[in-house]
């Protein structure tokens, strides 16, 4: 009986301080847009984001803004890896493929118009890809964040597993 009380006291006294660091990034218009957050949605504002080449060399170090968002402009499309570190032992990585960074067109100057005949098929395809990436990128981010949240069914499943294991342990102990 005393061990049960001790075990219950230990479980009740430990506040859940655990949090899961997440990063999400996508390419749009030749730039990497991303956000750093903790599971549940809070931004990781104090984190640092290192942009790494495939050989592991550091291309840039970024600081997310107050919303946990960051933008990186690579010199050329290439495969990248983002390494996010909060400095307290939490790290997470996210790959960005060169394919997401393709199709960069120079932005038109203010007041400049482009004649429809001047746009060839490759430029048109690039403009469509940029427009789709601009629209789909935030949706992908929201979907990723929604998948990261703990749902009520997850919590109830975890509690059921704890009670099930405790029940088995009590049954096993009662057999003696």
Foldseek 3Di string as FASTA:
>chain_A
DVVVVVVVVVVVPDDPPDWAKDKDWFAAQLKIKIFIAIQVQHGLQQKKKFKAAPVGDTPDIDGAHNNRMDMGHDPAQAKIKIWIDNPPPHIDIDIYHSVRNPLHDDDDDVPDDDDPVNQDPSNVVSVVSNVVCVVCVVVVVVVVSVVRYQDPVNVVVVVVVVVVVVVVVVVVVVVD
